[in-house]
PDB file of all heavy atoms in Angstrom:
ATOM      1  N   GLU A   1      11.318   3.422  29.205  1.00  0.00           N
ATOM      2  CA  GLU A   1      12.778   3.392  29.175  1.00  0.00           C
ATOM      3  C   GLU A   1      13.286   2.251  28.301  1.00  0.00           C
ATOM      4  O   GLU A   1      14.293   2.386  27.611  1.00  0.00           O
ATOM      5  CB  GLU A   1      13.323   3.274  30.596  1.00  0.00           C
ATOM      6  CG  GLU A   1      13.032   4.515  31.419  1.00  0.00           C
ATOM      7  CD  GLU A   1      13.836   4.568  32.699  1.00  0.00           C
ATOM      8  OE1 GLU A   1      14.362   3.522  33.105  1.00  0.00           O
ATOM      9  OE2 GLU A   1      13.924   5.655  33.278  1.00  0.00           O
ATOM     10  N   ALA A   2      12.577   1.119  28.336  1.00  0.00           N
ATOM     11  CA  ALA A   2      12.968  -0.001  27.480  1.00  0.00           C
ATOM     12  C   ALA A   2      12.855   0.395  26.016  1.00  0.00           C
ATOM     13  O   ALA A   2      13.671  -0.021  25.179  1.00  0.00           O
ATOM     14  CB  ALA A   2      12.091  -1.220  27.768  1.00  0.00           C
ATOM     15  N   ALA A   3      11.862   1.226  25.700  1.00  0.00           N
ATOM     16  CA  ALA A   3      11.700   1.685  24.317  1.00  0.00           C
ATOM     17  C   ALA A   3      12.931   2.452  23.859  1.00  0.00           C
ATOM     18  O   ALA A   3      13.303   2.402  22.682  1.00  0.00           O
ATOM     19  CB  ALA A   3      10.451   2.560  24.197  1.00  0.00           C
ATOM     20  N   GLY A   4      13.568   3.154  24.778  1.00  0.00           N
ATOM     21  CA  GLY A   4      14.769   3.889  24.420  1.00  0.00           C
ATOM     22  C   GLY A   4      15.959   3.013  24.125  1.00  0.00           C
ATOM     23  O   GLY A   4      16.931   3.468  23.510  1.00  0.00           O
ATOM     24  N   ASP A   5      15.911   1.747  24.548  1.00  0.00           N
ATOM     25  CA  ASP A   5      17.025   0.818  24.320  1.00  0.00           C
ATOM     26  C   ASP A   5      16.681  -0.296  23.333  1.00  0.00           C
ATOM     27  O   ASP A   5      17.404  -1.278  23.231  1.00  0.00           O
ATOM     28  CB  ASP A   5      17.445   0.174  25.654  1.00  0.00           C
ATOM     29  CG  ASP A   5      18.265   1.129  26.513  1.00  0.00           C
ATOM     30  OD1 ASP A   5      18.937   1.994  25.920  1.00  0.00           O
ATOM     31  OD2 ASP A   5      18.232   1.008  27.741  1.00  0.00           O
ATOM     32  N   VAL A   6      15.553  -0.137  22.629  1.00  0.00           N
ATOM     33  CA  VAL A   6      15.082  -1.193  21.730  1.00  0.00           C
ATOM     34  C   VAL A   6      16.084  -1.449  20.600  1.00  0.00           C
ATOM     35  O   VAL A   6      16.661  -0.516  20.039  1.00  0.00           O
ATOM     36  CB  VAL A   6      13.693  -0.812  21.150  1.00  0.00           C
ATOM     37  CG1 VAL A   6      13.406  -1.540  19.861  1.00  0.00           C
ATOM     38  CG2 VAL A   6      12.612  -1.123  22.169  1.00  0.00           C
ATOM     39  N   HIS A   7      16.278  -2.720  20.281  1.00  0.00           N
ATOM     40  CA  HIS A   7      17.150  -3.116  19.172  1.00  0.00           C
ATOM     41  C   HIS A   7      16.353  -3.562  17.954  1.00  0.00           C
ATOM     42  O   HIS A   7      16.821  -3.434  16.827  1.00  0.00           O
ATOM     43  CB  HIS A   7      18.066  -4.274  19.591  1.00  0.00           C
ATOM     44  CG  HIS A   7      18.939  -3.968  20.763  1.00  0.00           C
ATOM     45  ND1 HIS A   7      18.584  -4.277  22.068  1.00  0.00           N
ATOM     46  CD2 HIS A   7      20.148  -3.368  20.844  1.00  0.00           C
ATOM     47  CE1 HIS A   7      19.543  -3.896  22.887  1.00  0.00           C
ATOM     48  NE2 HIS A   7      20.505  -3.339  22.176  1.00  0.00           N
ATOM     49  N   VAL A   8      15.163  -4.126  18.192  1.00  0.00           N
ATOM     50  CA  VAL A   8      14.357  -4.693  17.104  1.00  0.00           C
ATOM     51  C   VAL A   8      12.916  -4.209  17.230  1.00  0.00           C
ATOM     52  O   VAL A   8      12.346  -4.241  18.324  1.00  0.00           O
ATOM     53  CB  VAL A   8      14.377  -6.245  17.125  1.00  0.00           C
ATOM     54  CG1 VAL A   8      13.569  -6.804  15.960  1.00  0.00           C
ATOM     55  CG2 VAL A   8      15.803  -6.760  17.083  1.00  0.00           C
ATOM     56  N   LEU A   9      12.337  -3.750  16.111  1.00  0.00           N
ATOM     57  CA  LEU A   9      10.940  -3.334  16.062  1.00  0.00           C
ATOM     58  C   LEU A   9      10.158  -4.277  15.161  1.00  0.00           C
ATOM     59  O   LEU A   9      10.507  -4.446  13.993  1.00  0.00           O
ATOM     60  CB  LEU A   9      10.814  -1.919  15.497  1.00  0.00           C
ATOM     61  CG  LEU A   9      11.073  -0.727  16.415  1.00  0.00           C
ATOM     62  CD1 LEU A   9      10.931   0.551  15.616  1.00  0.00           C
ATOM     63  CD2 LEU A   9      10.127  -0.710  17.580  1.00  0.00           C
ATOM     64  N   LEU A  10       9.114  -4.902  15.705  1.00  0.00           N
ATOM     65  CA  LEU A  10       8.204  -5.706  14.895  1.00  0.00           C
ATOM     66  C   LEU A  10       6.976  -4.862  14.588  1.00  0.00           C
ATOM     67  O   LEU A  10       6.274  -4.432  15.499  1.00  0.00           O
ATOM     68  CB  LEU A  10       7.787  -6.985  15.637  1.00  0.00           C
ATOM     69  CG  LEU A  10       8.651  -8.233  15.410  1.00  0.00           C
ATOM     70  CD1 LEU A  10      10.044  -8.011  15.979  1.00  0.00           C
ATOM     71  CD2 LEU A  10       8.017  -9.458  16.057  1.00  0.00           C
ATOM     72  N   LEU A  11       6.738  -4.602  13.295  1.00  0.00           N
ATOM     73  CA  LEU A  11       5.644  -3.735  12.887  1.00  0.00           C
ATOM     74  C   LEU A  11       4.707  -4.484  11.953  1.00  0.00           C
ATOM     75  O   LEU A  11       5.150  -5.104  10.984  1.00  0.00           O
ATOM     76  CB  LEU A  11       6.170  -2.489  12.176  1.00  0.00           C
ATOM     77  CG  LEU A  11       7.138  -1.628  12.973  1.00  0.00           C
ATOM     78  CD1 LEU A  11       8.514  -1.678  12.326  1.00  0.00           C
ATOM     79  CD2 LEU A  11       6.667  -0.199  13.050  1.00  0.00           C
ATOM     80  N   ASP A  12       3.422  -4.399  12.266  1.00  0.00           N
ATOM     81  CA  ASP A  12       2.428  -4.983  11.383  1.00  0.00           C
ATOM     82  C   ASP A  12       2.408  -4.203  10.077  1.00  0.00           C
ATOM     83  O   ASP A  12       2.511  -2.977  10.077  1.00  0.00           O
ATOM     84  CB  ASP A  12       1.053  -4.934  12.053  1.00  0.00           C
ATOM     85  CG  ASP A  12      -0.008  -5.621  11.220  1.00  0.00           C
ATOM     86  OD1 ASP A  12       0.205  -6.781  10.847  1.00  0.00           O
ATOM     87  OD2 ASP A  12      -1.034  -4.987  10.945  1.00  0.00           O
ATOM     88  N   LYS A  13       2.258  -4.919   8.953  1.00  0.00           N
ATOM     89  CA  LYS A  13       2.256  -4.243   7.653  1.00  0.00           C
ATOM     90  C   LYS A  13       1.037  -3.354   7.494  1.00  0.00           C
ATOM     91  O   LYS A  13       1.140  -2.156   7.241  1.00  0.00           O
ATOM     92  CB  LYS A  13       2.287  -5.273   6.524  1.00  0.00           C
ATOM     93  CG  LYS A  13       2.334  -4.657   5.125  1.00  0.00           C
ATOM     94  CD  LYS A  13       1.799  -5.592   4.063  1.00  0.00           C
ATOM     95  CE  LYS A  13       0.293  -5.723   4.168  1.00  0.00           C
ATOM     96  NZ  LYS A  13      -0.318  -6.501   3.086  1.00  0.00           N
ATOM     97  N   THR A  14      -0.142  -3.935   7.650  1.00  0.00           N
ATOM     98  CA  THR A  14      -1.382  -3.234   7.358  1.00  0.00           C
ATOM     99  C   THR A  14      -1.665  -2.171   8.407  1.00  0.00           C
ATOM    100  O   THR A  14      -1.792  -2.461   9.588  1.00  0.00           O
ATOM    101  CB  THR A  14      -2.560  -4.217   7.292  1.00  0.00           C
ATOM    102  OG1 THR A  14      -2.256  -5.240   6.353  1.00  0.00           O
ATOM    103  CG2 THR A  14      -3.832  -3.505   6.879  1.00  0.00           C
ATOM    104  N   GLY A  15      -1.758  -0.935   7.964  1.00  0.00           N
ATOM    105  CA  GLY A  15      -2.068   0.167   8.862  1.00  0.00           C
ATOM    106  C   GLY A  15      -0.838   0.796   9.482  1.00  0.00           C
ATOM    107  O   GLY A  15      -0.922   1.891  10.030  1.00  0.00           O
ATOM    108  N   THR A  16       0.293   0.123   9.425  1.00  0.00           N
ATOM    109  CA  THR A  16       1.522   0.668   9.988  1.00  0.00           C
ATOM    110  C   THR A  16       2.460   1.096   8.873  1.00  0.00           C
ATOM    111  O   THR A  16       2.817   2.263   8.745  1.00  0.00           O
ATOM    112  CB  THR A  16       2.232  -0.369  10.874  1.00  0.00           C
ATOM    113  OG1 THR A  16       1.325  -0.857  11.834  1.00  0.00           O
ATOM    114  CG2 THR A  16       3.437   0.244  11.558  1.00  0.00           C
ATOM    115  N   ILE A  17       2.837   0.128   8.060  1.00  0.00           N
ATOM    116  CA  ILE A  17       3.728   0.414   6.936  1.00  0.00           C
ATOM    117  C   ILE A  17       2.922   0.860   5.718  1.00  0.00           C
ATOM    118  O   ILE A  17       3.327   1.754   4.977  1.00  0.00           O
ATOM    119  CB  ILE A  17       4.575  -0.830   6.614  1.00  0.00           C
ATOM    120  CG1 ILE A  17       5.501  -1.131   7.801  1.00  0.00           C
ATOM    121  CG2 ILE A  17       5.382  -0.633   5.339  1.00  0.00           C
ATOM    122  CD1 ILE A  17       6.264  -2.422   7.674  1.00  0.00           C
ATOM    123  N   THR A  18       1.758   0.248   5.531  1.00  0.00           N
ATOM    124  CA  THR A  18       0.863   0.651   4.449  1.00  0.00           C
ATOM    125  C   THR A  18      -0.361   1.346   5.033  1.00  0.00           C
ATOM    126  O   THR A  18      -0.550   1.373   6.246  1.00  0.00           O
ATOM    127  CB  THR A  18       0.421  -0.569   3.618  1.00  0.00           C
ATOM    128  OG1 THR A  18      -0.387  -1.430   4.445  1.00  0.00           O
ATOM    129  CG2 THR A  18       1.622  -1.352   3.120  1.00  0.00           C
ATOM    130  N   PHE A  19      -1.198   1.890   4.190  1.00  0.00           N
ATOM    131  CA  PHE A  19      -2.360   2.651   4.656  1.00  0.00           C
ATOM    132  C   PHE A  19      -3.438   1.771   5.268  1.00  0.00           C
ATOM    133  O   PHE A  19      -4.334   2.259   5.921  1.00  0.00           O
ATOM    134  CB  PHE A  19      -2.961   3.462   3.505  1.00  0.00           C
ATOM    135  CG  PHE A  19      -2.230   4.744   3.257  1.00  0.00           C
ATOM    136  CD1 PHE A  19      -1.332   4.858   2.210  1.00  0.00           C
ATOM    137  CD2 PHE A  19      -2.415   5.837   4.077  1.00  0.00           C
ATOM    138  CE1 PHE A  19      -0.652   6.036   1.974  1.00  0.00           C
ATOM    139  CE2 PHE A  19      -1.744   7.027   3.850  1.00  0.00           C
ATOM    140  CZ  PHE A  19      -0.853   7.130   2.795  1.00  0.00           C
ATOM    141  N   GLY A  20      -3.403   0.489   5.015  1.00  0.00           N
ATOM    142  CA  GLY A  20      -4.395  -0.401   5.611  1.00  0.00           C
ATOM    143  C   GLY A  20      -5.493  -0.793   4.653  1.00  0.00           C
ATOM    144  O   GLY A  20      -6.098  -1.845   4.784  1.00  0.00           O
ATOM    145  N   ASN A  21      -5.768   0.039   3.662  1.00  0.00           N
ATOM    146  CA  ASN A  21      -6.732  -0.293   2.623  1.00  0.00           C
ATOM    147  C   ASN A  21      -6.021  -0.200   1.274  1.00  0.00           C
ATOM    148  O   ASN A  21      -5.279   0.748   1.022  1.00  0.00           O
ATOM    149  CB  ASN A  21      -7.914   0.681   2.644  1.00  0.00           C
ATOM    150  CG  ASN A  21      -8.721   0.580   3.921  1.00  0.00           C
ATOM    151  OD1 ASN A  21      -9.225  -0.469   4.257  1.00  0.00           O
ATOM    152  ND2 ASN A  21      -8.820   1.691   4.643  1.00  0.00           N
ATOM    153  N   ARG A  22      -6.280  -1.189   0.425  1.00  0.00           N
ATOM    154  CA  ARG A  22      -5.633  -1.176  -0.886  1.00  0.00           C
ATOM    155  C   ARG A  22      -6.171  -0.026  -1.718  1.00  0.00           C
ATOM    156  O   ARG A  22      -7.359   0.264  -1.692  1.00  0.00           O
ATOM    157  CB  ARG A  22      -5.848  -2.519  -1.585  1.00  0.00           C
ATOM    158  CG  ARG A  22      -5.265  -3.657  -0.757  1.00  0.00           C
ATOM    159  CD  ARG A  22      -5.065  -4.924  -1.536  1.00  0.00           C
ATOM    160  NE  ARG A  22      -4.293  -5.867  -0.736  1.00  0.00           N
ATOM    161  CZ  ARG A  22      -3.607  -6.875  -1.242  1.00  0.00           C
ATOM    162  NH1 ARG A  22      -3.599  -7.082  -2.541  1.00  0.00           N
ATOM    163  NH2 ARG A  22      -2.921  -7.675  -0.464  1.00  0.00           N
ATOM    164  N   ARG A  23      -5.279   0.612  -2.441  1.00  0.00           N
ATOM    165  CA  ARG A  23      -5.631   1.797  -3.210  1.00  0.00           C
ATOM    166  C   ARG A  23      -5.372   1.588  -4.698  1.00  0.00           C
ATOM    167  O   ARG A  23      -4.506   0.795  -5.076  1.00  0.00           O
ATOM    168  CB  ARG A  23      -4.840   3.009  -2.709  1.00  0.00           C
ATOM    169  CG  ARG A  23      -5.158   3.389  -1.282  1.00  0.00           C
ATOM    170  CD  ARG A  23      -4.501   4.694  -0.911  1.00  0.00           C
ATOM    171  NE  ARG A  23      -4.972   5.189   0.378  1.00  0.00           N
ATOM    172  CZ  ARG A  23      -4.753   6.421   0.821  1.00  0.00           C
ATOM    173  NH1 ARG A  23      -4.090   7.284   0.085  1.00  0.00           N
ATOM    174  NH2 ARG A  23      -5.214   6.796   2.000  1.00  0.00           N
ATOM    175  N   CYS A  24      -6.116   2.346  -5.493  1.00  0.00           N
ATOM    176  CA  CYS A  24      -5.950   2.260  -6.941  1.00  0.00           C
ATOM    177  C   CYS A  24      -4.636   2.917  -7.337  1.00  0.00           C
ATOM    178  O   CYS A  24      -4.349   4.055  -6.942  1.00  0.00           O
ATOM    179  CB  CYS A  24      -7.128   2.962  -7.626  1.00  0.00           C
ATOM    180  SG  CYS A  24      -7.000   2.995  -9.417  1.00  0.00           S
ATOM    181  N   SER A  25      -3.839   2.201  -8.115  1.00  0.00           N
ATOM    182  CA  SER A  25      -2.562   2.751  -8.562  1.00  0.00           C
ATOM    183  C   SER A  25      -2.461   2.854 -10.078  1.00  0.00           C
ATOM    184  O   SER A  25      -1.618   3.586 -10.592  1.00  0.00           O
ATOM    185  CB  SER A  25      -1.400   1.896  -8.042  1.00  0.00           C
ATOM    186  OG  SER A  25      -1.463   0.593  -8.590  1.00  0.00           O
ATOM    187  N   ALA A  26      -3.318   2.110 -10.806  1.00  0.00           N
ATOM    188  CA  ALA A  26      -3.255   2.154 -12.279  1.00  0.00           C
ATOM    189  C   ALA A  26      -4.482   1.472 -12.877  1.00  0.00           C
ATOM    190  O   ALA A  26      -5.159   0.675 -12.206  1.00  0.00           O
ATOM    191  CB  ALA A  26      -1.987   1.470 -12.782  1.00  0.00           C
ATOM    192  N   LEU A  27      -4.782   1.809 -14.148  1.00  0.00           N
ATOM    193  CA  LEU A  27      -5.822   1.135 -14.936  1.00  0.00           C
ATOM    194  C   LEU A  27      -5.191   0.608 -16.216  1.00  0.00           C
ATOM    195  O   LEU A  27      -4.311   1.264 -16.801  1.00  0.00           O
ATOM    196  CB  LEU A  27      -6.962   2.109 -15.285  1.00  0.00           C
ATOM    197  CG  LEU A  27      -8.165   2.169 -14.322  1.00  0.00           C
ATOM    198  CD1 LEU A  27      -7.745   2.690 -12.964  1.00  0.00           C
ATOM    199  CD2 LEU A  27      -9.267   3.048 -14.908  1.00  0.00           C
ATOM    200  N   HIS A  28      -5.613  -0.578 -16.660  1.00  0.00           N
ATOM    201  CA  HIS A  28      -5.084  -1.197 -17.888  1.00  0.00           C
ATOM    202  C   HIS A  28      -6.262  -1.531 -18.794  1.00  0.00           C
ATOM    203  O   HIS A  28      -7.153  -2.295 -18.414  1.00  0.00           O
ATOM    204  CB  HIS A  28      -4.292  -2.463 -17.551  1.00  0.00           C
ATOM    205  CG  HIS A  28      -3.176  -2.225 -16.567  1.00  0.00           C
ATOM    206  ND1 HIS A  28      -1.963  -1.712 -16.936  1.00  0.00           N
ATOM    207  CD2 HIS A  28      -3.113  -2.415 -15.214  1.00  0.00           C
ATOM    208  CE1 HIS A  28      -1.180  -1.607 -15.857  1.00  0.00           C
ATOM    209  NE2 HIS A  28      -1.868  -2.030 -14.803  1.00  0.00           N
ATOM    210  N   LYS A  29      -6.258  -0.954 -19.998  1.00  0.00           N
ATOM    211  CA  LYS A  29      -7.395  -1.144 -20.903  1.00  0.00           C
ATOM    212  C   LYS A  29      -7.245  -2.412 -21.733  1.00  0.00           C
ATOM    213  O   LYS A  29      -6.131  -2.863 -22.035  1.00  0.00           O
ATOM    214  CB  LYS A  29      -7.550   0.059 -21.816  1.00  0.00           C
ATOM    215  CG  LYS A  29      -6.337   0.433 -22.665  1.00  0.00           C
ATOM    216  CD  LYS A  29      -6.550   1.758 -23.366  1.00  0.00           C
ATOM    217  CE  LYS A  29      -5.325   2.160 -24.188  1.00  0.00           C
ATOM    218  NZ  LYS A  29      -5.047   1.244 -25.288  1.00  0.00           N
ATOM    219  N   ALA A  30      -8.404  -2.958 -22.090  1.00  0.00           N
ATOM    220  CA  ALA A  30      -8.433  -4.125 -22.969  1.00  0.00           C
ATOM    221  C   ALA A  30      -8.237  -3.665 -24.413  1.00  0.00           C
ATOM    222  O   ALA A  30      -8.465  -2.487 -24.737  1.00  0.00           O
ATOM    223  CB  ALA A  30      -9.764  -4.850 -22.814  1.00  0.00           C
ATOM    224  N   PRO A  31      -7.797  -4.566 -25.298  1.00  0.00           N
ATOM    225  CA  PRO A  31      -7.621  -4.197 -26.716  1.00  0.00           C
ATOM    226  C   PRO A  31      -8.923  -3.650 -27.306  1.00  0.00           C
ATOM    227  O   PRO A  31     -10.013  -4.160 -27.043  1.00  0.00           O
ATOM    228  CB  PRO A  31      -7.235  -5.525 -27.366  1.00  0.00           C
ATOM    229  CG  PRO A  31      -6.621  -6.326 -26.266  1.00  0.00           C
ATOM    230  CD  PRO A  31      -7.389  -5.958 -25.043  1.00  0.00           C
ATOM    231  N   GLY A  32      -8.806  -2.578 -28.085  1.00  0.00           N
ATOM    232  CA  GLY A  32      -9.964  -1.997 -28.746  1.00  0.00           C
ATOM    233  C   GLY A  32     -10.753  -1.036 -27.884  1.00  0.00           C
ATOM    234  O   GLY A  32     -11.782  -0.508 -28.317  1.00  0.00           O
ATOM    235  N   VAL A  33     -10.289  -0.777 -26.646  1.00  0.00           N
ATOM    236  CA  VAL A  33     -10.976   0.128 -25.725  1.00  0.00           C
ATOM    237  C   VAL A  33     -10.126   1.380 -25.547  1.00  0.00           C
ATOM    238  O   VAL A  33      -8.908   1.298 -25.370  1.00  0.00           O
ATOM    239  CB  VAL A  33     -11.214  -0.545 -24.361  1.00  0.00           C
ATOM    240  CG1 VAL A  33     -11.873   0.430 -23.388  1.00  0.00           C
ATOM    241  CG2 VAL A  33     -12.068  -1.787 -24.521  1.00  0.00           C
ATOM    242  N   THR A  34     -10.755   2.547 -25.625  1.00  0.00           N
ATOM    243  CA  THR A  34     -10.009   3.787 -25.422  1.00  0.00           C
ATOM    244  C   THR A  34      -9.811   4.048 -23.936  1.00  0.00           C
ATOM    245  O   THR A  34     -10.569   3.564 -23.090  1.00  0.00           O
ATOM    246  CB  THR A  34     -10.740   4.992 -26.042  1.00  0.00           C
ATOM    247  OG1 THR A  34     -11.962   5.208 -25.338  1.00  0.00           O
ATOM    248  CG2 THR A  34     -11.038   4.742 -27.519  1.00  0.00           C
ATOM    249  N   GLU A  35      -8.793   4.838 -23.639  1.00  0.00           N
ATOM    250  CA  GLU A  35      -8.504   5.178 -22.231  1.00  0.00           C
ATOM    251  C   GLU A  35      -9.660   5.950 -21.612  1.00  0.00           C
ATOM    252  O   GLU A  35     -10.037   5.710 -20.457  1.00  0.00           O
ATOM    253  CB  GLU A  35      -7.220   6.003 -22.154  1.00  0.00           C
ATOM    254  CG  GLU A  35      -6.784   6.332 -20.731  1.00  0.00           C
ATOM    255  CD  GLU A  35      -5.452   7.056 -20.672  1.00  0.00           C
ATOM    256  OE1 GLU A  35      -4.674   6.958 -21.655  1.00  0.00           O
ATOM    257  OE2 GLU A  35      -5.200   7.733 -19.654  1.00  0.00           O
ATOM    258  N   GLN A  36     -10.262   6.854 -22.396  1.00  0.00           N
ATOM    259  CA  GLN A  36     -11.384   7.633 -21.880  1.00  0.00           C
ATOM    260  C   GLN A  36     -12.577   6.738 -21.574  1.00  0.00           C
ATOM    261  O   GLN A  36     -13.245   6.905 -20.551  1.00  0.00           O
ATOM    262  CB  GLN A  36     -11.782   8.702 -22.896  1.00  0.00           C
ATOM    263  CG  GLN A  36     -12.940   9.579 -22.425  1.00  0.00           C
ATOM    264  CD  GLN A  36     -13.321  10.636 -23.442  1.00  0.00           C
ATOM    265  OE1 GLN A  36     -12.652  10.800 -24.467  1.00  0.00           O
ATOM    266  NE2 GLN A  36     -14.398  11.364 -23.179  1.00  0.00           N
ATOM    267  N   GLU A  37     -12.839   5.772 -22.454  1.00  0.00           N
ATOM    268  CA  GLU A  37     -13.966   4.857 -22.255  1.00  0.00           C
ATOM    269  C   GLU A  37     -13.780   4.045 -20.977  1.00  0.00           C
ATOM    270  O   GLU A  37     -14.718   3.896 -20.183  1.00  0.00           O
ATOM    271  CB  GLU A  37     -14.093   3.924 -23.468  1.00  0.00           C
ATOM    272  CG  GLU A  37     -15.307   3.010 -23.416  1.00  0.00           C
ATOM    273  CD  GLU A  37     -15.376   2.095 -24.635  1.00  0.00           C
ATOM    274  OE1 GLU A  37     -14.445   2.127 -25.477  1.00  0.00           O
ATOM    275  OE2 GLU A  37     -16.354   1.331 -24.735  1.00  0.00           O
ATOM    276  N   LEU A  38     -12.567   3.531 -20.739  1.00  0.00           N
ATOM    277  CA  LEU A  38     -12.288   2.752 -19.531  1.00  0.00           C
ATOM    278  C   LEU A  38     -12.396   3.626 -18.283  1.00  0.00           C
ATOM    279  O   LEU A  38     -13.019   3.238 -17.286  1.00  0.00           O
ATOM    280  CB  LEU A  38     -10.892   2.133 -19.616  1.00  0.00           C
ATOM    281  CG  LEU A  38     -10.378   1.443 -18.346  1.00  0.00           C
ATOM    282  CD1 LEU A  38     -11.280   0.283 -17.949  1.00  0.00           C
ATOM    283  CD2 LEU A  38      -8.938   0.964 -18.536  1.00  0.00           C
TER     284      LEU A  38
END
């Protein structure tokens, strides 16, 4: 019943707001390297 009257929620970031494990979002190539090679 208290949950029904809650005003503030404290949520842990890892596993709650985010997936919990860092994920690949992009690759950046060094000069002179092709995208396929990287």
